PDB file of N, CA and C in Angstrom:
ATOM      1  N   MET A   1      15.768  -9.870   6.797  1.00  0.00           N
ATOM      2  CA  MET A   1      15.572  -8.502   7.251  1.00  0.00           C
ATOM      3  C   MET A   1      16.345  -7.540   6.346  1.00  0.00           C
ATOM      4  N   GLY A   2      17.548  -7.919   5.942  1.00  0.00           N
ATOM      5  CA  GLY A   2      18.366  -7.039   5.104  1.00  0.00           C
ATOM      6  C   GLY A   2      17.717  -6.766   3.760  1.00  0.00           C
ATOM      7  N   LEU A   3      17.190  -7.804   3.141  1.00  0.00           N
ATOM      8  CA  LEU A   3      16.532  -7.636   1.838  1.00  0.00           C
ATOM      9  C   LEU A   3      15.322  -6.721   1.959  1.00  0.00           C
ATOM     10  N   VAL A   4      14.503  -6.965   2.946  1.00  0.00           N
ATOM     11  CA  VAL A   4      13.302  -6.154   3.144  1.00  0.00           C
ATOM     12  C   VAL A   4      13.673  -4.714   3.454  1.00  0.00           C
ATOM     13  N   HIS A   5      14.684  -4.514   4.278  1.00  0.00           N
ATOM     14  CA  HIS A   5      15.095  -3.154   4.631  1.00  0.00           C
ATOM     15  C   HIS A   5      15.655  -2.404   3.420  1.00  0.00           C
ATOM     16  N   ARG A   6      16.349  -3.109   2.529  1.00  0.00           N
ATOM     17  CA  ARG A   6      16.859  -2.453   1.314  1.00  0.00           C
ATOM     18  C   ARG A   6      15.714  -1.985   0.429  1.00  0.00           C
ATOM     19  N   VAL A   7      14.602  -2.712   0.416  1.00  0.00           N
ATOM     20  CA  VAL A   7      13.455  -2.321  -0.411  1.00  0.00           C
ATOM     21  C   VAL A   7      12.674  -1.193   0.256  1.00  0.00           C
ATOM     22  N   LEU A   8      12.424  -1.305   1.540  1.00  0.00           N
ATOM     23  CA  LEU A   8      11.549  -0.348   2.233  1.00  0.00           C
ATOM     24  C   LEU A   8      12.268   0.874   2.787  1.00  0.00           C
ATOM     25  N   ARG A   9      13.494   0.702   3.241  1.00  0.00           N
ATOM     26  CA  ARG A   9      14.294   1.793   3.818  1.00  0.00           C
ATOM     27  C   ARG A   9      13.668   2.403   5.077  1.00  0.00           C
ATOM     28  N   ASP A  10      12.828   1.651   5.743  1.00  0.00           N
ATOM     29  CA  ASP A  10      12.206   2.107   6.989  1.00  0.00           C
ATOM     30  C   ASP A  10      12.273   0.945   7.986  1.00  0.00           C
ATOM     31  N   PRO A  11      13.026   1.108   9.069  1.00  0.00           N
ATOM     32  CA  PRO A  11      13.205  -0.006  10.007  1.00  0.00           C
ATOM     33  C   PRO A  11      11.889  -0.537  10.592  1.00  0.00           C
ATOM     34  N   ALA A  12      10.979   0.335  10.943  1.00  0.00           N
ATOM     35  CA  ALA A  12       9.722  -0.110  11.545  1.00  0.00           C
ATOM     36  C   ALA A  12       8.890  -0.922  10.546  1.00  0.00           C
ATOM     37  N   GLN A  13       8.770  -0.418   9.323  1.00  0.00           N
ATOM     38  CA  GLN A  13       8.012  -1.157   8.311  1.00  0.00           C
ATOM     39  C   GLN A  13       8.717  -2.455   7.956  1.00  0.00           C
ATOM     40  N   SER A  14      10.034  -2.438   7.931  1.00  0.00           N
ATOM     41  CA  SER A  14      10.801  -3.647   7.623  1.00  0.00           C
ATOM     42  C   SER A  14      10.526  -4.732   8.658  1.00  0.00           C
ATOM     43  N   GLU A  15      10.535  -4.362   9.925  1.00  0.00           N
ATOM     44  CA  GLU A  15      10.257  -5.335  10.987  1.00  0.00           C
ATOM     45  C   GLU A  15       8.849  -5.903  10.842  1.00  0.00           C
ATOM     46  N   GLU A  16       7.902  -5.042  10.508  1.00  0.00           N
ATOM     47  CA  GLU A  16       6.520  -5.476  10.340  1.00  0.00           C
ATOM     48  C   GLU A  16       6.381  -6.471   9.185  1.00  0.00           C
ATOM     49  N   VAL A  17       7.028  -6.165   8.080  1.00  0.00           N
ATOM     50  CA  VAL A  17       6.954  -7.045   6.909  1.00  0.00           C
ATOM     51  C   VAL A  17       7.644  -8.376   7.205  1.00  0.00           C
ATOM     52  N   VAL A  18       8.789  -8.344   7.856  1.00  0.00           N
ATOM     53  CA  VAL A  18       9.496  -9.587   8.193  1.00  0.00           C
ATOM     54  C   VAL A  18       8.627 -10.444   9.111  1.00  0.00           C
ATOM     55  N   ARG A  19       7.986  -9.827  10.083  1.00  0.00           N
ATOM     56  CA  ARG A  19       7.087 -10.580  10.972  1.00  0.00           C
ATOM     57  C   ARG A  19       5.975 -11.241  10.172  1.00  0.00           C
ATOM     58  N   ASP A  20       5.367 -10.480   9.246  1.00  0.00           N
ATOM     59  CA  ASP A  20       4.301 -11.030   8.410  1.00  0.00           C
ATOM     60  C   ASP A  20       4.801 -12.190   7.546  1.00  0.00           C
ATOM     61  N   VAL A  21       6.002 -12.053   7.016  1.00  0.00           N
ATOM     62  CA  VAL A  21       6.571 -13.113   6.176  1.00  0.00           C
ATOM     63  C   VAL A  21       6.825 -14.371   7.008  1.00  0.00           C
ATOM     64  N   LEU A  22       7.364 -14.219   8.202  1.00  0.00           N
ATOM     65  CA  LEU A  22       7.616 -15.386   9.044  1.00  0.00           C
ATOM     66  C   LEU A  22       6.314 -16.096   9.409  1.00  0.00           C
ATOM     67  N   LEU A  23       5.262 -15.321   9.652  1.00  0.00           N
ATOM     68  CA  LEU A  23       3.955 -15.932   9.913  1.00  0.00           C
ATOM     69  C   LEU A  23       3.438 -16.667   8.673  1.00  0.00           C
ATOM     70  N   GLU A  24       3.643 -16.066   7.514  1.00  0.00           N
ATOM     71  CA  GLU A  24       3.219 -16.712   6.278  1.00  0.00           C
ATOM     72  C   GLU A  24       3.992 -18.008   6.047  1.00  0.00           C
ATOM     73  N   VAL A  25       5.287 -18.004   6.317  1.00  0.00           N
ATOM     74  CA  VAL A  25       6.097 -19.211   6.177  1.00  0.00           C
ATOM     75  C   VAL A  25       5.574 -20.293   7.120  1.00  0.00           C
ATOM     76  N   TRP A  26       5.274 -19.912   8.340  1.00  0.00           N
ATOM     77  CA  TRP A  26       4.769 -20.869   9.327  1.00  0.00           C
ATOM     78  C   TRP A  26       3.446 -21.478   8.866  1.00  0.00           C
ATOM     79  N   ARG A  27       2.544 -20.626   8.376  1.00  0.00           N
ATOM     80  CA  ARG A  27       1.206 -21.088   7.981  1.00  0.00           C
ATOM     81  C   ARG A  27       1.194 -21.874   6.675  1.00  0.00           C
ATOM     82  N   THR A  28       2.078 -21.531   5.765  1.00  0.00           N
ATOM     83  CA  THR A  28       2.023 -22.127   4.426  1.00  0.00           C
ATOM     84  C   THR A  28       3.227 -23.025   4.141  1.00  0.00           C
ATOM     85  N   SER A  29       3.863 -23.541   5.166  1.00  0.00           N
ATOM     86  CA  SER A  29       5.056 -24.363   4.962  1.00  0.00           C
ATOM     87  C   SER A  29       4.758 -25.604   4.120  1.00  0.00           C
ATOM     88  N   GLY A  30       3.530 -26.050   4.102  1.00  0.00           N
ATOM     89  CA  GLY A  30       3.156 -27.209   3.295  1.00  0.00           C
ATOM     90  C   GLY A  30       3.274 -26.961   1.804  1.00  0.00           C
ATOM     91  N   ARG A  31       3.264 -25.702   1.403  1.00  0.00           N
ATOM     92  CA  ARG A  31       3.382 -25.364  -0.019  1.00  0.00           C
ATOM     93  C   ARG A  31       4.823 -25.391  -0.533  1.00  0.00           C
ATOM     94  N   PHE A  32       5.772 -25.434   0.390  1.00  0.00           N
ATOM     95  CA  PHE A  32       7.171 -25.438  -0.024  1.00  0.00           C
ATOM     96  C   PHE A  32       7.494 -26.720  -0.777  1.00  0.00           C
ATOM     97  N   GLU A  33       8.123 -26.575  -1.936  1.00  0.00           N
ATOM     98  CA  GLU A  33       8.500 -27.718  -2.759  1.00  0.00           C
ATOM     99  C   GLU A  33      10.023 -27.719  -2.932  1.00  0.00           C
ATOM    100  N   PRO A  34      10.724 -28.614  -2.233  1.00  0.00           N
ATOM    101  CA  PRO A  34      12.190 -28.635  -2.284  1.00  0.00           C
ATOM    102  C   PRO A  34      12.747 -28.832  -3.691  1.00  0.00           C
ATOM    103  N   ARG A  35      12.017 -29.508  -4.552  1.00  0.00           N
ATOM    104  CA  ARG A  35      12.537 -29.744  -5.906  1.00  0.00           C
ATOM    105  C   ARG A  35      12.593 -28.451  -6.722  1.00  0.00           C
ATOM    106  N   ARG A  36      11.881 -27.409  -6.293  1.00  0.00           N
ATOM    107  CA  ARG A  36      11.864 -26.136  -7.025  1.00  0.00           C
ATOM    108  C   ARG A  36      12.934 -25.165  -6.547  1.00  0.00           C
ATOM    109  N   GLY A  37      13.537 -25.437  -5.406  1.00  0.00           N
ATOM    110  CA  GLY A  37      14.574 -24.546  -4.883  1.00  0.00           C
ATOM    111  C   GLY A  37      14.744 -24.727  -3.388  1.00  0.00           C
ATOM    112  N   SER A  38      15.686 -23.991  -2.840  1.00  0.00           N
ATOM    113  CA  SER A  38      15.961 -24.112  -1.406  1.00  0.00           C
ATOM    114  C   SER A  38      14.914 -23.365  -0.586  1.00  0.00           C
ATOM    115  N   ALA A  39      14.870 -23.699   0.690  1.00  0.00           N
ATOM    116  CA  ALA A  39      13.946 -23.014   1.606  1.00  0.00           C
ATOM    117  C   ALA A  39      14.302 -21.533   1.704  1.00  0.00           C
ATOM    118  N   MET A  40      15.582 -21.223   1.694  1.00  0.00           N
ATOM    119  CA  MET A  40      16.021 -19.825   1.785  1.00  0.00           C
ATOM    120  C   MET A  40      15.530 -19.034   0.571  1.00  0.00           C
ATOM    121  N   THR A  41      15.615 -19.627  -0.606  1.00  0.00           N
ATOM    122  CA  THR A  41      15.141 -18.944  -1.810  1.00  0.00           C
ATOM    123  C   THR A  41      13.646 -18.684  -1.723  1.00  0.00           C
ATOM    124  N   TRP A  42      12.901 -19.659  -1.244  1.00  0.00           N
ATOM    125  CA  TRP A  42      11.450 -19.517  -1.100  1.00  0.00           C
ATOM    126  C   TRP A  42      11.109 -18.387  -0.124  1.00  0.00           C
ATOM    127  N   ILE A  43      11.787 -18.366   1.010  1.00  0.00           N
ATOM    128  CA  ILE A  43      11.534 -17.339   2.025  1.00  0.00           C
ATOM    129  C   ILE A  43      11.938 -15.960   1.505  1.00  0.00           C
ATOM    130  N   MET A  44      13.067 -15.870   0.852  1.00  0.00           N
ATOM    131  CA  MET A  44      13.514 -14.576   0.311  1.00  0.00           C
ATOM    132  C   MET A  44      12.554 -14.071  -0.765  1.00  0.00           C
ATOM    133  N   THR A  45      12.025 -14.975  -1.572  1.00  0.00           N
ATOM    134  CA  THR A  45      11.045 -14.574  -2.589  1.00  0.00           C
ATOM    135  C   THR A  45       9.786 -14.027  -1.930  1.00  0.00           C
ATOM    136  N   LEU A  46       9.299 -14.715  -0.906  1.00  0.00           N
ATOM    137  CA  LEU A  46       8.120 -14.225  -0.176  1.00  0.00           C
ATOM    138  C   LEU A  46       8.395 -12.850   0.432  1.00  0.00           C
ATOM    139  N   ALA A  47       9.565 -12.683   1.028  1.00  0.00           N
ATOM    140  CA  ALA A  47       9.924 -11.422   1.679  1.00  0.00           C
ATOM    141  C   ALA A  47      10.013 -10.285   0.655  1.00  0.00           C
ATOM    142  N   HIS A  48      10.659 -10.558  -0.462  1.00  0.00           N
ATOM    143  CA  HIS A  48      10.805  -9.518  -1.484  1.00  0.00           C
ATOM    144  C   HIS A  48       9.438  -9.112  -2.032  1.00  0.00           C
ATOM    145  N   ARG A  49       8.613 -10.086  -2.329  1.00  0.00           N
ATOM    146  CA  ARG A  49       7.273  -9.769  -2.853  1.00  0.00           C
ATOM    147  C   ARG A  49       6.460  -8.957  -1.856  1.00  0.00           C
ATOM    148  N   ARG A  50       6.528  -9.339  -0.590  1.00  0.00           N
ATOM    149  CA  ARG A  50       5.766  -8.617   0.434  1.00  0.00           C
ATOM    150  C   ARG A  50       6.286  -7.193   0.593  1.00  0.00           C
ATOM    151  N   ALA A  51       7.589  -6.992   0.522  1.00  0.00           N
ATOM    152  CA  ALA A  51       8.176  -5.652   0.641  1.00  0.00           C
ATOM    153  C   ALA A  51       7.782  -4.784  -0.546  1.00  0.00           C
ATOM    154  N   VAL A  52       7.828  -5.345  -1.741  1.00  0.00           N
ATOM    155  CA  VAL A  52       7.432  -4.592  -2.937  1.00  0.00           C
ATOM    156  C   VAL A  52       5.951  -4.241  -2.864  1.00  0.00           C
ATOM    157  N   ASP A  53       5.122  -5.165  -2.384  1.00  0.00           N
ATOM    158  CA  ASP A  53       3.693  -4.869  -2.214  1.00  0.00           C
ATOM    159  C   ASP A  53       3.489  -3.702  -1.260  1.00  0.00           C
ATOM    160  N   ARG A  54       4.290  -3.652  -0.195  1.00  0.00           N
ATOM    161  CA  ARG A  54       4.162  -2.561   0.777  1.00  0.00           C
ATOM    162  C   ARG A  54       4.535  -1.225   0.144  1.00  0.00           C
ATOM    163  N   VAL A  55       5.579  -1.214  -0.680  1.00  0.00           N
ATOM    164  CA  VAL A  55       5.992   0.021  -1.361  1.00  0.00           C
ATOM    165  C   VAL A  55       4.879   0.474  -2.312  1.00  0.00           C
ATOM    166  N   ARG A  56       4.339  -0.451  -3.085  1.00  0.00           N
ATOM    167  CA  ARG A  56       3.261  -0.099  -4.018  1.00  0.00           C
ATOM    168  C   ARG A  56       2.036   0.420  -3.285  1.00  0.00           C
ATOM    169  N   SER A  57       1.708  -0.199  -2.167  1.00  0.00           N
ATOM    170  CA  SER A  57       0.566   0.234  -1.376  1.00  0.00           C
ATOM    171  C   SER A  57       0.774   1.645  -0.836  1.00  0.00           C
ATOM    172  N   SER A  58       1.975   1.936  -0.355  1.00  0.00           N
ATOM    173  CA  SER A  58       2.273   3.281   0.161  1.00  0.00           C
ATOM    174  C   SER A  58       2.165   4.324  -0.940  1.00  0.00           C
ATOM    175  N   ARG A  59       2.704   3.999  -2.103  1.00  0.00           N
ATOM    176  CA  ARG A  59       2.646   4.939  -3.221  1.00  0.00           C
ATOM    177  C   ARG A  59       1.218   5.175  -3.677  1.00  0.00           C
ATOM    178  N   ALA A  60       0.415   4.116  -3.715  1.00  0.00           N
ATOM    179  CA  ALA A  60      -0.985   4.266  -4.117  1.00  0.00           C
ATOM    180  C   ALA A  60      -1.730   5.148  -3.122  1.00  0.00           C
ATOM    181  N   GLY A  61      -1.457   4.965  -1.834  1.00  0.00           N
ATOM    182  CA  GLY A  61      -2.088   5.796  -0.811  1.00  0.00           C
ATOM    183  C   GLY A  61      -1.679   7.255  -0.944  1.00  0.00           C
ATOM    184  N   ALA A  62      -0.407   7.491  -1.204  1.00  0.00           N
ATOM    185  CA  ALA A  62       0.082   8.863  -1.374  1.00  0.00           C
ATOM    186  C   ALA A  62      -0.531   9.493  -2.622  1.00  0.00           C
ATOM    187  N   ASP A  63      -0.660   8.707  -3.690  1.00  0.00           N
ATOM    188  CA  ASP A  63      -1.285   9.224  -4.919  1.00  0.00           C
ATOM    189  C   ASP A  63      -2.743   9.586  -4.675  1.00  0.00           C
ATOM    190  N   ARG A  64      -3.461   8.739  -3.904  1.00  0.00           N
ATOM    191  CA  ARG A  64      -4.865   9.037  -3.590  1.00  0.00           C
ATOM    192  C   ARG A  64      -4.973  10.325  -2.781  1.00  0.00           C
ATOM    193  N   GLU A  65      -4.089  10.502  -1.816  1.00  0.00           N
ATOM    194  CA  GLU A  65      -4.113  11.720  -1.003  1.00  0.00           C
ATOM    195  C   GLU A  65      -3.825  12.955  -1.855  1.00  0.00           C
ATOM    196  N   ARG A  66      -2.837  12.826  -2.755  1.00  0.00           N
ATOM    197  CA  ARG A  66      -2.490  13.951  -3.621  1.00  0.00           C
ATOM    198  C   ARG A  66      -3.646  14.305  -4.546  1.00  0.00           C
ATOM    199  N   SER A  67      -4.295  13.311  -5.129  1.00  0.00           N
ATOM    200  CA  SER A  67      -5.396  13.598  -6.049  1.00  0.00           C
ATOM    201  C   SER A  67      -6.592  14.157  -5.287  1.00  0.00           C
ATOM    202  N   GLY A  68      -6.806  13.690  -4.055  1.00  0.00           N
ATOM    203  CA  GLY A  68      -7.888  14.218  -3.231  1.00  0.00           C
ATOM    204  C   GLY A  68      -7.631  15.653  -2.827  1.00  0.00           C
ATOM    205  N   ALA A  69      -6.381  16.011  -2.596  1.00  0.00           N
ATOM    206  CA  ALA A  69      -6.034  17.375  -2.214  1.00  0.00           C
ATOM    207  C   ALA A  69      -6.151  18.321  -3.399  1.00  0.00           C
ATOM    208  N   ALA A  70      -6.005  17.793  -4.605  1.00  0.00           N
ATOM    209  CA  ALA A  70      -6.071  18.637  -5.798  1.00  0.00           C
ATOM    210  C   ALA A  70      -7.505  19.000  -6.170  1.00  0.00           C
ATOM    211  N   GLU A  71      -8.465  18.226  -5.687  1.00  0.00           N
ATOM    212  CA  GLU A  71      -9.863  18.507  -6.010  1.00  0.00           C
ATOM    213  C   GLU A  71     -10.344  19.723  -5.221  1.00  0.00           C
ATOM    214  N   PRO A  72     -11.215  20.540  -5.835  1.00  0.00           N
ATOM    215  CA  PRO A  72     -11.743  21.705  -5.116  1.00  0.00           C
ATOM    216  C   PRO A  72     -12.575  21.259  -3.917  1.00  0.00           C
ATOM    217  N   ARG A  73     -12.471  22.007  -2.828  1.00  0.00           N
ATOM    218  CA  ARG A  73     -13.133  21.620  -1.586  1.00  0.00           C
ATOM    219  C   ARG A  73     -14.510  22.257  -1.401  1.00  0.00           C
ATOM    220  N   GLY A  74     -14.779  23.377  -1.975  1.00  0.00           N
ATOM    221  CA  GLY A  74     -16.040  24.057  -1.733  1.00  0.00           C
ATOM    222  C   GLY A  74     -17.179  23.480  -2.559  1.00  0.00           C
ATOM    223  N   LEU A  75     -18.375  23.927  -2.243  1.00  0.00           N
ATOM    224  CA  LEU A  75     -19.521  23.514  -3.037  1.00  0.00           C
ATOM    225  C   LEU A  75     -19.522  24.288  -4.354  1.00  0.00           C
ATOM    226  N   PRO A  76     -19.940  23.655  -5.435  1.00  0.00           N
ATOM    227  CA  PRO A  76     -19.983  24.375  -6.703  1.00  0.00           C
ATOM    228  C   PRO A  76     -21.059  25.463  -6.668  1.00  0.00           C
ATOM    229  N   PHE A  77     -20.826  26.537  -7.390  1.00  0.00           N
ATOM    230  CA  PHE A  77     -21.760  27.658  -7.434  1.00  0.00           C
ATOM    231  C   PHE A  77     -23.006  27.246  -8.204  1.00  0.00           C
ATOM    232  N   ASP A  78     -24.180  27.517  -7.650  1.00  0.00           N
ATOM    233  CA  ASP A  78     -25.445  27.139  -8.268  1.00  0.00           C
ATOM    234  C   ASP A  78     -26.127  28.398  -8.787  1.00  0.00           C
ATOM    235  N   GLU A  79     -26.069  28.606 -10.100  1.00  0.00           N
ATOM    236  CA  GLU A  79     -26.641  29.809 -10.708  1.00  0.00           C
ATOM    237  C   GLU A  79     -28.156  29.861 -10.574  1.00  0.00           C
ATOM    238  N   VAL A  80     -28.824  28.729 -10.692  1.00  0.00           N
ATOM    239  CA  VAL A  80     -30.282  28.699 -10.629  1.00  0.00           C
ATOM    240  C   VAL A  80     -30.759  29.156  -9.260  1.00  0.00           C
ATOM    241  N   THR A  81     -30.146  28.663  -8.214  1.00  0.00           N
ATOM    242  CA  THR A  81     -30.525  29.072  -6.856  1.00  0.00           C
ATOM    243  C   THR A  81     -30.284  30.559  -6.673  1.00  0.00           C
ATOM    244  N   ASP A  82     -29.169  31.055  -7.162  1.00  0.00           N
ATOM    245  CA  ASP A  82     -28.842  32.474  -7.066  1.00  0.00           C
ATOM    246  C   ASP A  82     -29.889  33.319  -7.782  1.00  0.00           C
ATOM    247  N   GLN A  83     -30.288  32.905  -8.990  1.00  0.00           N
ATOM    248  CA  GLN A  83     -31.293  33.656  -9.748  1.00  0.00           C
ATOM    249  C   GLN A  83     -32.650  33.613  -9.049  1.00  0.00           C
ATOM    250  N   ALA A  84     -33.023  32.461  -8.489  1.00  0.00           N
ATOM    251  CA  ALA A  84     -34.308  32.350  -7.783  1.00  0.00           C
ATOM    252  C   ALA A  84     -34.309  33.258  -6.557  1.00  0.00           C
ATOM    253  N   GLU A  85     -33.225  33.305  -5.821  1.00  0.00           N
ATOM    254  CA  GLU A  85     -33.148  34.169  -4.658  1.00  0.00           C
ATOM    255  C   GLU A  85     -33.226  35.625  -5.052  1.00  0.00           C
ATOM    256  N   THR A  86     -32.594  35.984  -6.171  1.00  0.00           N
ATOM    257  CA  THR A  86     -32.640  37.362  -6.662  1.00  0.00           C
ATOM    258  C   THR A  86     -34.065  37.754  -7.023  1.00  0.00           C
ATOM    259  N   HIS A  87     -34.787  36.871  -7.733  1.00  0.00           N
ATOM    260  CA  HIS A  87     -36.181  37.156  -8.114  1.00  0.00           C
ATOM    261  C   HIS A  87     -37.090  37.252  -6.898  1.00  0.00           C
ATOM    262  N   MET A  88     -36.847  36.432  -5.882  1.00  0.00           N
ATOM    263  CA  MET A  88     -37.690  36.467  -4.685  1.00  0.00           C
ATOM    264  C   MET A  88     -37.500  37.753  -3.912  1.00  0.00           C
ATOM    265  N   GLU A  89     -36.276  38.301  -3.945  1.00  0.00           N
ATOM    266  CA  GLU A  89     -36.003  39.541  -3.237  1.00  0.00           C
ATOM    267  C   GLU A  89     -36.673  40.667  -3.970  1.00  0.00           C
TER     268      GLU A  89
END
């Protein structure tokens, strides 16, 4: 929890990520290879990666919102329609 909280700095998101990591550990425990390192190292690596993924996802979402807000909202002006309406009048 401490590692995840240091990366995310949000208690609610930290709890969510830790829960997801514990579920992942439970489901994928067969992939753990003791010869490659301790169980704690494996779990901490999963937690850190998941926390970093959450930060990247949040930033990408914020960037999408910012770029969407920067785009003009109205319909573009159509000169041809304007000229046709003028001629019809």
